[in-house]
Amino acid sequence: MVDAVNAHLDQVPGGRSFRLLKGIEVDILDDGGLDQTEELLGRLDVRVASVHSKLAMEPEQMTRRMVAAVGNPYTNVLGHCTGRLVTGNRGTRAPSRFDARAVFEACAEHRVAVEINSRPERRDPPTALLELARDVGCLFSIDSDAHAPGQLDFQLLGCERAEAAGIDPDRIVNTWPVERLLAWAGSRVAA
């Protein structure tokens, strides 16, 4: 359907005004694998990998799990890295424990962006980890984590957090022109 919409937009008089990208958030499995096939992942433009289960895994295991996922060439963004919930109608949840420096160093090495999750109930990563990721040299992706159209404005909260942390806009992948974004997102798969 996305291809059909983009083909239609190519036919608009005066040129395409925007382009839809194909993306997915995939689960990081216990062993660090991704829960979708390489065939499917290869058809997408951008892929976010996130831990959604066993969030209380022992820190050493969680670190290995996340580092393995970051090393997967289809992973572009590490989503809501701690999985924490700080407020909201779903209650609260403690953050996962892991060696953040090791995970962020893997992100920097593989040029995987760390998601700044803008949902008010998440604020993930916490400020101290956001600053560590900045200092380690990570790229970032600011995500609304919207589950309904009215939540798209959450993006502004993530922008405020990035600005407060002093993150250079050039390190935020969703500020880049589409050609640069797509070249970055496909660079490890093509290698």
N, C-alpha and C. Protein backbone atom coordinates (compact mmCIF):
# COMPACT_ATOMS: atom_id res chain seq x y z
N MET A 1 0.82 -1.19 0.00
CA MET A 1 0.00 0.00 0.00
C MET A 1 0.86 1.26 0.00
N VAL A 2 1.97 1.22 0.75
CA VAL A 2 2.85 2.39 0.78
C VAL A 2 3.43 2.64 -0.60
N ASP A 3 3.83 1.58 -1.29
CA ASP A 3 4.35 1.74 -2.66
C ASP A 3 3.29 2.36 -3.57
N ALA A 4 2.03 1.94 -3.42
CA ALA A 4 0.95 2.49 -4.24
C ALA A 4 0.73 3.96 -3.95
N VAL A 5 0.77 4.34 -2.68
CA VAL A 5 0.62 5.76 -2.33
C VAL A 5 1.76 6.57 -2.91
N ASN A 6 2.99 6.08 -2.79
CA ASN A 6 4.13 6.81 -3.34
C ASN A 6 4.05 6.91 -4.86
N ALA A 7 3.59 5.83 -5.53
CA ALA A 7 3.43 5.88 -6.98
C ALA A 7 2.39 6.93 -7.36
N HIS A 8 1.31 7.00 -6.60
CA HIS A 8 0.29 8.01 -6.84
C HIS A 8 0.88 9.41 -6.65
N LEU A 9 1.64 9.60 -5.60
CA LEU A 9 2.23 10.91 -5.33
C LEU A 9 3.20 11.33 -6.44
N ASP A 10 3.85 10.36 -7.07
CA ASP A 10 4.75 10.67 -8.19
C ASP A 10 3.99 11.25 -9.38
N GLN A 11 2.70 10.97 -9.46
CA GLN A 11 1.88 11.44 -10.57
C GLN A 11 1.25 12.80 -10.32
N VAL A 12 1.40 13.33 -9.11
CA VAL A 12 0.80 14.61 -8.76
C VAL A 12 1.46 15.72 -9.57
N PRO A 13 0.67 16.57 -10.24
CA PRO A 13 1.27 17.69 -11.00
C PRO A 13 2.11 18.57 -10.07
N GLY A 14 3.27 18.96 -10.55
CA GLY A 14 4.16 19.81 -9.76
C GLY A 14 5.14 19.01 -8.91
N GLY A 15 5.07 17.69 -8.98
CA GLY A 15 6.03 16.88 -8.25
C GLY A 15 5.53 16.42 -6.90
N ARG A 16 6.22 15.45 -6.37
CA ARG A 16 5.87 14.84 -5.09
C ARG A 16 6.12 15.84 -3.95
N SER A 17 5.13 15.99 -3.07
CA SER A 17 5.29 16.90 -1.95
C SER A 17 5.84 16.18 -0.71
N PHE A 18 5.67 14.88 -0.65
CA PHE A 18 6.25 14.10 0.44
C PHE A 18 6.33 12.65 0.03
N ARG A 19 7.03 11.86 0.82
CA ARG A 19 7.20 10.44 0.54
C ARG A 19 6.95 9.66 1.83
N LEU A 20 6.19 8.60 1.71
CA LEU A 20 5.98 7.70 2.85
C LEU A 20 7.10 6.68 2.87
N LEU A 21 7.65 6.44 4.05
CA LEU A 21 8.67 5.42 4.22
C LEU A 21 8.04 4.19 4.85
N LYS A 22 8.63 3.04 4.56
CA LYS A 22 8.16 1.79 5.14
C LYS A 22 9.05 1.46 6.33
N GLY A 23 8.42 1.27 7.48
CA GLY A 23 9.18 0.95 8.67
C GLY A 23 8.41 0.05 9.59
N ILE A 24 9.11 -0.47 10.58
CA ILE A 24 8.50 -1.38 11.53
C ILE A 24 9.26 -1.28 12.85
N GLU A 25 8.56 -1.57 13.93
CA GLU A 25 9.21 -1.80 15.21
C GLU A 25 9.18 -3.30 15.44
N VAL A 26 10.35 -3.89 15.55
CA VAL A 26 10.46 -5.33 15.77
C VAL A 26 10.85 -5.61 17.21
N ASP A 27 10.45 -6.76 17.69
CA ASP A 27 10.83 -7.18 19.03
C ASP A 27 12.25 -7.75 19.01
N ILE A 28 12.98 -7.47 20.07
CA ILE A 28 14.28 -8.11 20.28
C ILE A 28 14.02 -9.38 21.08
N LEU A 29 14.34 -10.52 20.51
CA LEU A 29 14.13 -11.80 21.16
C LEU A 29 15.14 -12.01 22.28
N ASP A 30 14.95 -13.02 23.08
CA ASP A 30 15.81 -13.28 24.23
C ASP A 30 17.29 -13.39 23.86
N ASP A 31 17.57 -13.96 22.68
CA ASP A 31 18.96 -14.16 22.26
C ASP A 31 19.51 -12.97 21.47
N GLY A 32 18.73 -11.90 21.35
CA GLY A 32 19.16 -10.72 20.60
C GLY A 32 18.76 -10.72 19.15
N GLY A 33 18.14 -11.81 18.70
CA GLY A 33 17.63 -11.84 17.33
C GLY A 33 16.41 -10.94 17.19
N LEU A 34 16.02 -10.69 15.96
CA LEU A 34 14.84 -9.87 15.68
C LEU A 34 13.69 -10.80 15.29
N ASP A 35 12.47 -10.40 15.62
CA ASP A 35 11.32 -11.30 15.46
C ASP A 35 10.69 -11.27 14.07
N GLN A 36 11.40 -10.83 13.07
CA GLN A 36 10.90 -10.85 11.70
C GLN A 36 11.96 -11.45 10.79
N THR A 37 11.55 -11.92 9.63
CA THR A 37 12.48 -12.55 8.70
C THR A 37 13.35 -11.50 8.02
N GLU A 38 14.52 -11.92 7.59
CA GLU A 38 15.39 -11.01 6.84
C GLU A 38 14.71 -10.56 5.55
N GLU A 39 13.92 -11.43 4.96
CA GLU A 39 13.21 -11.07 3.71
C GLU A 39 12.29 -9.88 3.97
N LEU A 40 11.52 -9.93 5.03
CA LEU A 40 10.62 -8.82 5.34
C LEU A 40 11.42 -7.58 5.72
N LEU A 41 12.42 -7.74 6.59
CA LEU A 41 13.22 -6.59 7.04
C LEU A 41 13.91 -5.91 5.86
N GLY A 42 14.31 -6.70 4.88
CA GLY A 42 14.97 -6.17 3.70
C GLY A 42 14.08 -5.33 2.80
N ARG A 43 12.77 -5.47 2.93
CA ARG A 43 11.83 -4.68 2.12
C ARG A 43 11.50 -3.33 2.75
N LEU A 44 11.99 -3.08 3.94
CA LEU A 44 11.65 -1.87 4.68
C LEU A 44 12.73 -0.80 4.54
N ASP A 45 12.33 0.44 4.79
CA ASP A 45 13.27 1.55 4.75
C ASP A 45 13.98 1.75 6.09
N VAL A 46 13.24 1.61 7.19
CA VAL A 46 13.77 1.88 8.53
C VAL A 46 13.21 0.84 9.50
N ARG A 47 14.08 0.40 10.42
CA ARG A 47 13.68 -0.62 11.38
C ARG A 47 14.09 -0.20 12.78
N VAL A 48 13.14 -0.26 13.72
CA VAL A 48 13.38 0.02 15.13
C VAL A 48 13.32 -1.31 15.86
N ALA A 49 14.32 -1.61 16.67
CA ALA A 49 14.34 -2.84 17.44
C ALA A 49 14.20 -2.50 18.92
N SER A 50 13.25 -3.14 19.60
CA SER A 50 12.95 -2.83 21.00
C SER A 50 12.69 -4.09 21.79
N VAL A 51 13.06 -4.05 23.06
CA VAL A 51 12.75 -5.14 23.99
C VAL A 51 11.33 -4.90 24.51
N HIS A 52 10.48 -5.92 24.38
CA HIS A 52 9.10 -5.82 24.85
C HIS A 52 8.73 -6.89 25.87
N SER A 53 9.62 -7.82 26.11
CA SER A 53 9.32 -8.91 27.04
C SER A 53 10.54 -9.19 27.90
N LYS A 54 10.29 -9.84 29.04
CA LYS A 54 11.37 -10.19 29.97
C LYS A 54 12.24 -8.97 30.27
N LEU A 55 11.57 -7.87 30.59
CA LEU A 55 12.27 -6.61 30.87
C LEU A 55 13.08 -6.66 32.15
N ALA A 56 12.81 -7.64 33.02
CA ALA A 56 13.55 -7.77 34.27
C ALA A 56 14.67 -8.81 34.16
N MET A 57 15.08 -9.13 32.96
CA MET A 57 16.17 -10.07 32.72
C MET A 57 17.41 -9.60 33.48
N GLU A 58 18.25 -10.53 33.88
CA GLU A 58 19.50 -10.17 34.57
C GLU A 58 20.32 -9.21 33.71
N PRO A 59 20.99 -8.24 34.32
CA PRO A 59 21.71 -7.20 33.56
C PRO A 59 22.70 -7.74 32.52
N GLU A 60 23.45 -8.78 32.85
CA GLU A 60 24.43 -9.31 31.90
C GLU A 60 23.73 -9.90 30.67
N GLN A 61 22.63 -10.62 30.90
CA GLN A 61 21.87 -11.21 29.80
C GLN A 61 21.22 -10.10 28.96
N MET A 62 20.66 -9.10 29.62
CA MET A 62 20.02 -8.00 28.89
C MET A 62 21.04 -7.25 28.05
N THR A 63 22.23 -7.05 28.59
CA THR A 63 23.29 -6.37 27.84
C THR A 63 23.63 -7.18 26.60
N ARG A 64 23.85 -8.48 26.75
CA ARG A 64 24.17 -9.33 25.58
C ARG A 64 23.04 -9.28 24.56
N ARG A 65 21.81 -9.35 25.04
CA ARG A 65 20.63 -9.32 24.17
C ARG A 65 20.59 -8.04 23.34
N MET A 66 20.78 -6.91 24.01
CA MET A 66 20.68 -5.63 23.31
C MET A 66 21.87 -5.41 22.37
N VAL A 67 23.08 -5.78 22.80
CA VAL A 67 24.26 -5.62 21.95
C VAL A 67 24.12 -6.49 20.70
N ALA A 68 23.60 -7.71 20.86
CA ALA A 68 23.39 -8.58 19.69
C ALA A 68 22.40 -7.95 18.72
N ALA A 69 21.31 -7.40 19.23
CA ALA A 69 20.32 -6.76 18.36
C ALA A 69 20.90 -5.56 17.64
N VAL A 70 21.68 -4.76 18.34
CA VAL A 70 22.31 -3.58 17.74
C VAL A 70 23.29 -4.01 16.64
N GLY A 71 23.92 -5.18 16.82
CA GLY A 71 24.84 -5.68 15.81
C GLY A 71 24.17 -6.24 14.57
N ASN A 72 22.87 -6.45 14.62
CA ASN A 72 22.15 -6.96 13.45
C ASN A 72 22.12 -5.87 12.38
N PRO A 73 22.53 -6.19 11.15
CA PRO A 73 22.60 -5.14 10.12
C PRO A 73 21.25 -4.53 9.75
N TYR A 74 20.14 -5.16 10.13
CA TYR A 74 18.83 -4.59 9.85
C TYR A 74 18.37 -3.61 10.92
N THR A 75 19.06 -3.54 12.04
CA THR A 75 18.66 -2.63 13.11
C THR A 75 19.16 -1.23 12.80
N ASN A 76 18.24 -0.28 12.73
CA ASN A 76 18.59 1.13 12.54
C ASN A 76 18.48 1.93 13.81
N VAL A 77 17.50 1.60 14.64
CA VAL A 77 17.21 2.37 15.85
C VAL A 77 16.98 1.40 17.01
N LEU A 78 17.59 1.70 18.15
CA LEU A 78 17.31 0.95 19.37
C LEU A 78 16.19 1.68 20.10
N GLY A 79 15.02 1.04 20.18
CA GLY A 79 13.84 1.69 20.75
C GLY A 79 13.77 1.58 22.26
N HIS A 80 13.11 2.55 22.88
CA HIS A 80 12.88 2.67 24.32
C HIS A 80 13.75 1.71 25.13
N CYS A 81 15.02 2.07 25.25
CA CYS A 81 16.04 1.15 25.73
C CYS A 81 15.84 0.62 27.14
N THR A 82 15.21 1.37 28.03
CA THR A 82 15.02 0.85 29.39
C THR A 82 13.65 0.21 29.58
N GLY A 83 12.69 0.51 28.71
CA GLY A 83 11.35 -0.03 28.84
C GLY A 83 10.56 0.51 30.02
N ARG A 84 11.08 1.52 30.66
CA ARG A 84 10.45 2.02 31.88
C ARG A 84 9.14 2.74 31.60
N LEU A 85 8.29 2.79 32.60
CA LEU A 85 7.09 3.62 32.61
C LEU A 85 7.16 4.43 33.91
N VAL A 86 7.05 5.74 33.79
CA VAL A 86 7.19 6.60 34.98
C VAL A 86 5.86 7.14 35.48
N THR A 87 4.83 7.06 34.65
CA THR A 87 3.50 7.56 35.02
C THR A 87 2.49 7.03 34.02
N GLY A 88 1.22 7.30 34.20
CA GLY A 88 0.21 6.96 33.20
C GLY A 88 -0.76 5.90 33.67
N ASN A 89 -1.76 5.65 32.83
CA ASN A 89 -2.84 4.73 33.21
C ASN A 89 -2.41 3.26 33.17
N ARG A 90 -1.23 2.96 32.61
CA ARG A 90 -0.72 1.59 32.64
C ARG A 90 0.12 1.33 33.89
N GLY A 91 0.22 2.33 34.76
CA GLY A 91 1.02 2.19 35.96
C GLY A 91 2.48 2.51 35.69
N THR A 92 3.32 2.14 36.64
CA THR A 92 4.76 2.40 36.48
C THR A 92 5.49 1.07 36.32
N ARG A 93 6.69 1.14 35.74
CA ARG A 93 7.52 -0.05 35.57
C ARG A 93 8.96 0.39 35.72
N ALA A 94 9.71 -0.34 36.50
CA ALA A 94 11.13 -0.03 36.68
C ALA A 94 11.88 -0.23 35.36
N PRO A 95 12.95 0.52 35.17
CA PRO A 95 13.73 0.33 33.95
C PRO A 95 14.47 -1.00 33.95
N SER A 96 14.69 -1.53 32.78
CA SER A 96 15.54 -2.71 32.64
C SER A 96 16.95 -2.33 33.07
N ARG A 97 17.66 -3.30 33.58
CA ARG A 97 19.05 -3.07 34.00
C ARG A 97 19.98 -3.70 32.97
N PHE A 98 20.97 -2.93 32.54
CA PHE A 98 21.95 -3.39 31.55
C PHE A 98 23.14 -2.46 31.60
N ASP A 99 24.23 -2.86 30.98
CA ASP A 99 25.43 -2.03 30.91
C ASP A 99 25.21 -1.00 29.80
N ALA A 100 24.73 0.16 30.19
CA ALA A 100 24.36 1.19 29.21
C ALA A 100 25.55 1.62 28.37
N ARG A 101 26.71 1.76 28.99
CA ARG A 101 27.89 2.16 28.22
C ARG A 101 28.19 1.14 27.12
N ALA A 102 28.16 -0.15 27.44
CA ALA A 102 28.43 -1.18 26.44
C ALA A 102 27.40 -1.14 25.31
N VAL A 103 26.13 -0.97 25.67
CA VAL A 103 25.08 -0.91 24.65
C VAL A 103 25.24 0.32 23.77
N PHE A 104 25.49 1.47 24.38
CA PHE A 104 25.63 2.70 23.60
C PHE A 104 26.92 2.71 22.77
N GLU A 105 27.97 2.10 23.28
CA GLU A 105 29.18 1.97 22.47
C GLU A 105 28.93 1.11 21.25
N ALA A 106 28.13 0.04 21.42
CA ALA A 106 27.75 -0.79 20.27
C ALA A 106 26.91 0.02 19.28
N CYS A 107 26.00 0.84 19.81
CA CYS A 107 25.20 1.71 18.93
C CYS A 107 26.09 2.65 18.14
N ALA A 108 27.05 3.28 18.82
CA ALA A 108 27.94 4.21 18.13
C ALA A 108 28.79 3.48 17.09
N GLU A 109 29.29 2.32 17.44
CA GLU A 109 30.13 1.54 16.52
C GLU A 109 29.36 1.16 15.26
N HIS A 110 28.12 0.74 15.42
CA HIS A 110 27.31 0.26 14.28
C HIS A 110 26.44 1.36 13.66
N ARG A 111 26.55 2.57 14.18
CA ARG A 111 25.77 3.71 13.70
C ARG A 111 24.26 3.44 13.81
N VAL A 112 23.87 2.81 14.92
CA VAL A 112 22.47 2.59 15.26
C VAL A 112 22.03 3.74 16.15
N ALA A 113 20.94 4.36 15.80
CA ALA A 113 20.44 5.51 16.57
C ALA A 113 19.77 5.02 17.85
N VAL A 114 19.91 5.81 18.90
CA VAL A 114 19.20 5.57 20.15
C VAL A 114 17.91 6.38 20.10
N GLU A 115 16.80 5.72 20.32
CA GLU A 115 15.52 6.41 20.29
C GLU A 115 15.35 7.30 21.51
N ILE A 116 14.94 8.53 21.28
CA ILE A 116 14.43 9.39 22.34
C ILE A 116 12.92 9.24 22.26
N ASN A 117 12.38 8.44 23.18
CA ASN A 117 10.95 8.14 23.17
C ASN A 117 10.21 9.28 23.85
N SER A 118 9.32 9.90 23.12
CA SER A 118 8.67 11.14 23.56
C SER A 118 7.40 10.94 24.39
N ARG A 119 6.95 9.72 24.54
CA ARG A 119 5.73 9.50 25.34
C ARG A 119 5.97 10.01 26.76
N PRO A 120 5.06 10.83 27.28
CA PRO A 120 5.25 11.38 28.62
C PRO A 120 5.41 10.30 29.69
N GLU A 121 4.74 9.16 29.51
CA GLU A 121 4.85 8.11 30.53
C GLU A 121 6.14 7.30 30.42
N ARG A 122 6.91 7.50 29.36
CA ARG A 122 8.16 6.77 29.19
C ARG A 122 9.39 7.64 29.49
N ARG A 123 9.51 8.77 28.80
CA ARG A 123 10.72 9.60 28.90
C ARG A 123 11.96 8.70 28.91
N ASP A 124 12.08 7.94 27.86
CA ASP A 124 13.11 6.92 27.76
C ASP A 124 14.03 7.26 26.60
N PRO A 125 15.35 7.29 26.79
CA PRO A 125 16.06 6.96 28.01
C PRO A 125 15.98 8.08 29.05
N PRO A 126 16.18 7.70 30.31
CA PRO A 126 16.25 8.74 31.35
C PRO A 126 17.37 9.73 31.03
N THR A 127 17.31 10.89 31.60
CA THR A 127 18.25 11.97 31.27
C THR A 127 19.71 11.53 31.39
N ALA A 128 20.07 10.85 32.46
CA ALA A 128 21.47 10.43 32.64
C ALA A 128 21.92 9.50 31.51
N LEU A 129 21.05 8.60 31.07
CA LEU A 129 21.41 7.71 29.97
C LEU A 129 21.42 8.44 28.63
N LEU A 130 20.53 9.38 28.46
CA LEU A 130 20.51 10.20 27.25
C LEU A 130 21.84 10.95 27.13
N GLU A 131 22.30 11.50 28.23
CA GLU A 131 23.57 12.24 28.22
C GLU A 131 24.75 11.30 27.99
N LEU A 132 24.70 10.08 28.55
CA LEU A 132 25.75 9.10 28.31
C LEU A 132 25.80 8.74 26.82
N ALA A 133 24.66 8.47 26.22
CA ALA A 133 24.60 8.15 24.79
C ALA A 133 25.16 9.31 23.96
N ARG A 134 24.84 10.52 24.36
CA ARG A 134 25.38 11.71 23.67
C ARG A 134 26.90 11.71 23.77
N ASP A 135 27.41 11.49 24.98
CA ASP A 135 28.85 11.56 25.20
C ASP A 135 29.61 10.43 24.53
N VAL A 136 28.97 9.26 24.38
CA VAL A 136 29.60 8.12 23.72
C VAL A 136 29.67 8.34 22.21
N GLY A 137 28.83 9.23 21.68
CA GLY A 137 28.86 9.54 20.25
C GLY A 137 27.73 8.94 19.45
N CYS A 138 26.64 8.59 20.11
CA CYS A 138 25.51 7.97 19.42
C CYS A 138 24.76 8.94 18.52
N LEU A 139 24.13 8.37 17.52
CA LEU A 139 23.10 9.05 16.76
C LEU A 139 21.79 8.90 17.54
N PHE A 140 20.78 9.68 17.18
CA PHE A 140 19.49 9.63 17.87
C PHE A 140 18.36 9.69 16.86
N SER A 141 17.21 9.17 17.29
CA SER A 141 15.96 9.28 16.55
C SER A 141 14.90 9.72 17.55
N ILE A 142 14.22 10.79 17.27
CA ILE A 142 13.17 11.27 18.17
C ILE A 142 11.85 10.70 17.68
N ASP A 143 11.18 9.96 18.57
CA ASP A 143 9.98 9.21 18.19
C ASP A 143 8.82 9.60 19.08
N SER A 144 7.68 9.88 18.48
CA SER A 144 6.48 10.21 19.25
C SER A 144 5.92 8.99 19.99
N ASP A 145 6.20 7.79 19.48
CA ASP A 145 5.62 6.54 20.00
C ASP A 145 4.09 6.66 20.03
N ALA A 146 3.55 7.37 19.03
CA ALA A 146 2.11 7.59 18.96
C ALA A 146 1.38 6.29 18.69
N HIS A 147 0.31 6.08 19.43
CA HIS A 147 -0.58 4.95 19.21
C HIS A 147 -1.93 5.42 18.67
N ALA A 148 -2.05 6.73 18.46
CA ALA A 148 -3.25 7.34 17.89
C ALA A 148 -2.83 8.69 17.29
N PRO A 149 -3.55 9.17 16.27
CA PRO A 149 -3.15 10.42 15.61
C PRO A 149 -2.96 11.60 16.57
N GLY A 150 -3.78 11.71 17.59
CA GLY A 150 -3.67 12.82 18.53
C GLY A 150 -2.39 12.81 19.35
N GLN A 151 -1.65 11.72 19.30
CA GLN A 151 -0.41 11.61 20.08
C GLN A 151 0.83 11.98 19.28
N LEU A 152 0.66 12.33 18.02
CA LEU A 152 1.82 12.70 17.20
C LEU A 152 2.53 13.93 17.75
N ASP A 153 1.80 14.79 18.45
CA ASP A 153 2.42 15.98 19.04
C ASP A 153 3.40 15.65 20.16
N PHE A 154 3.41 14.41 20.64
CA PHE A 154 4.40 14.01 21.64
C PHE A 154 5.82 14.27 21.14
N GLN A 155 5.98 14.26 19.82
CA GLN A 155 7.30 14.47 19.20
C GLN A 155 7.96 15.74 19.77
N LEU A 156 7.17 16.76 20.03
CA LEU A 156 7.72 18.01 20.56
C LEU A 156 8.41 17.79 21.90
N LEU A 157 7.88 16.89 22.72
CA LEU A 157 8.49 16.61 24.02
C LEU A 157 9.88 15.99 23.85
N GLY A 158 10.02 15.12 22.88
CA GLY A 158 11.33 14.53 22.60
C GLY A 158 12.31 15.56 22.07
N CYS A 159 11.81 16.48 21.25
CA CYS A 159 12.67 17.56 20.75
C CYS A 159 13.17 18.43 21.90
N GLU A 160 12.29 18.71 22.84
CA GLU A 160 12.69 19.49 24.01
C GLU A 160 13.76 18.76 24.82
N ARG A 161 13.61 17.46 24.97
CA ARG A 161 14.61 16.68 25.71
C ARG A 161 15.95 16.68 24.99
N ALA A 162 15.93 16.54 23.68
CA ALA A 162 17.18 16.55 22.90
C ALA A 162 17.87 17.91 23.02
N GLU A 163 17.08 18.95 22.93
CA GLU A 163 17.66 20.30 23.05
C GLU A 163 18.23 20.52 24.45
N ALA A 164 17.51 20.10 25.48
CA ALA A 164 17.99 20.26 26.86
C ALA A 164 19.28 19.47 27.10
N ALA A 165 19.43 18.33 26.41
CA ALA A 165 20.63 17.51 26.56
C ALA A 165 21.78 18.00 25.67
N GLY A 166 21.53 19.04 24.88
CA GLY A 166 22.59 19.59 24.03
C GLY A 166 22.97 18.69 22.87
N ILE A 167 22.01 17.95 22.34
CA ILE A 167 22.28 17.06 21.21
C ILE A 167 22.21 17.87 19.92
N ASP A 168 23.30 17.83 19.17
CA ASP A 168 23.38 18.54 17.90
C ASP A 168 22.33 17.97 16.94
N PRO A 169 21.52 18.82 16.32
CA PRO A 169 20.49 18.32 15.39
C PRO A 169 21.04 17.42 14.28
N ASP A 170 22.31 17.58 13.92
CA ASP A 170 22.89 16.75 12.87
C ASP A 170 23.08 15.30 13.33
N ARG A 171 22.97 15.05 14.63
CA ARG A 171 23.07 13.67 15.14
C ARG A 171 21.69 13.04 15.29
N ILE A 172 20.64 13.74 14.89
CA ILE A 172 19.27 13.23 14.99
C ILE A 172 18.83 12.84 13.59
N VAL A 173 18.70 11.54 13.36
CA VAL A 173 18.51 11.03 12.00
C VAL A 173 17.22 11.50 11.37
N ASN A 174 16.19 11.78 12.16
CA ASN A 174 14.96 12.23 11.53
C ASN A 174 14.92 13.74 11.33
N THR A 175 16.08 14.39 11.38
CA THR A 175 16.20 15.77 10.90
C THR A 175 16.87 15.79 9.52
N TRP A 176 17.37 14.65 9.09
CA TRP A 176 18.13 14.58 7.84
C TRP A 176 17.22 14.60 6.62
N PRO A 177 17.75 15.07 5.49
CA PRO A 177 17.01 14.92 4.22
C PRO A 177 16.79 13.43 3.95
N VAL A 178 15.72 13.11 3.26
CA VAL A 178 15.32 11.71 3.06
C VAL A 178 16.43 10.90 2.39
N GLU A 179 17.16 11.47 1.45
CA GLU A 179 18.21 10.72 0.76
C GLU A 179 19.29 10.29 1.74
N ARG A 180 19.68 11.20 2.65
CA ARG A 180 20.69 10.87 3.64
C ARG A 180 20.16 9.82 4.62
N LEU A 181 18.93 9.97 5.04
CA LEU A 181 18.32 9.01 5.97
C LEU A 181 18.29 7.61 5.36
N LEU A 182 17.85 7.51 4.11
CA LEU A 182 17.75 6.21 3.47
C LEU A 182 19.12 5.59 3.21
N ALA A 183 20.11 6.42 2.86
CA ALA A 183 21.47 5.90 2.67
C ALA A 183 22.00 5.34 3.99
N TRP A 184 21.78 6.06 5.08
CA TRP A 184 22.21 5.59 6.40
C TRP A 184 21.48 4.30 6.77
N ALA A 185 20.16 4.29 6.63
CA ALA A 185 19.36 3.14 7.04
C ALA A 185 19.69 1.89 6.26
N GLY A 186 20.10 2.02 5.03
CA GLY A 186 20.42 0.86 4.19
C GLY A 186 21.88 0.50 4.13
N SER A 187 22.74 1.31 4.75
CA SER A 187 24.18 1.12 4.57
C SER A 187 24.71 -0.20 5.13
N ARG A 188 24.21 -0.65 6.26
CA ARG A 188 24.73 -1.89 6.85
C ARG A 188 24.17 -3.11 6.15
N VAL A 189 22.94 -3.02 5.64
CA VAL A 189 22.35 -4.15 4.93
C VAL A 189 23.07 -4.37 3.62
N ALA A 190 23.47 -3.28 2.96
CA ALA A 190 24.12 -3.35 1.66
C ALA A 190 25.56 -3.84 1.77
N ALA A 191 26.15 -3.71 2.96
CA ALA A 191 27.58 -4.07 3.12
C ALA A 191 27.82 -5.56 3.02
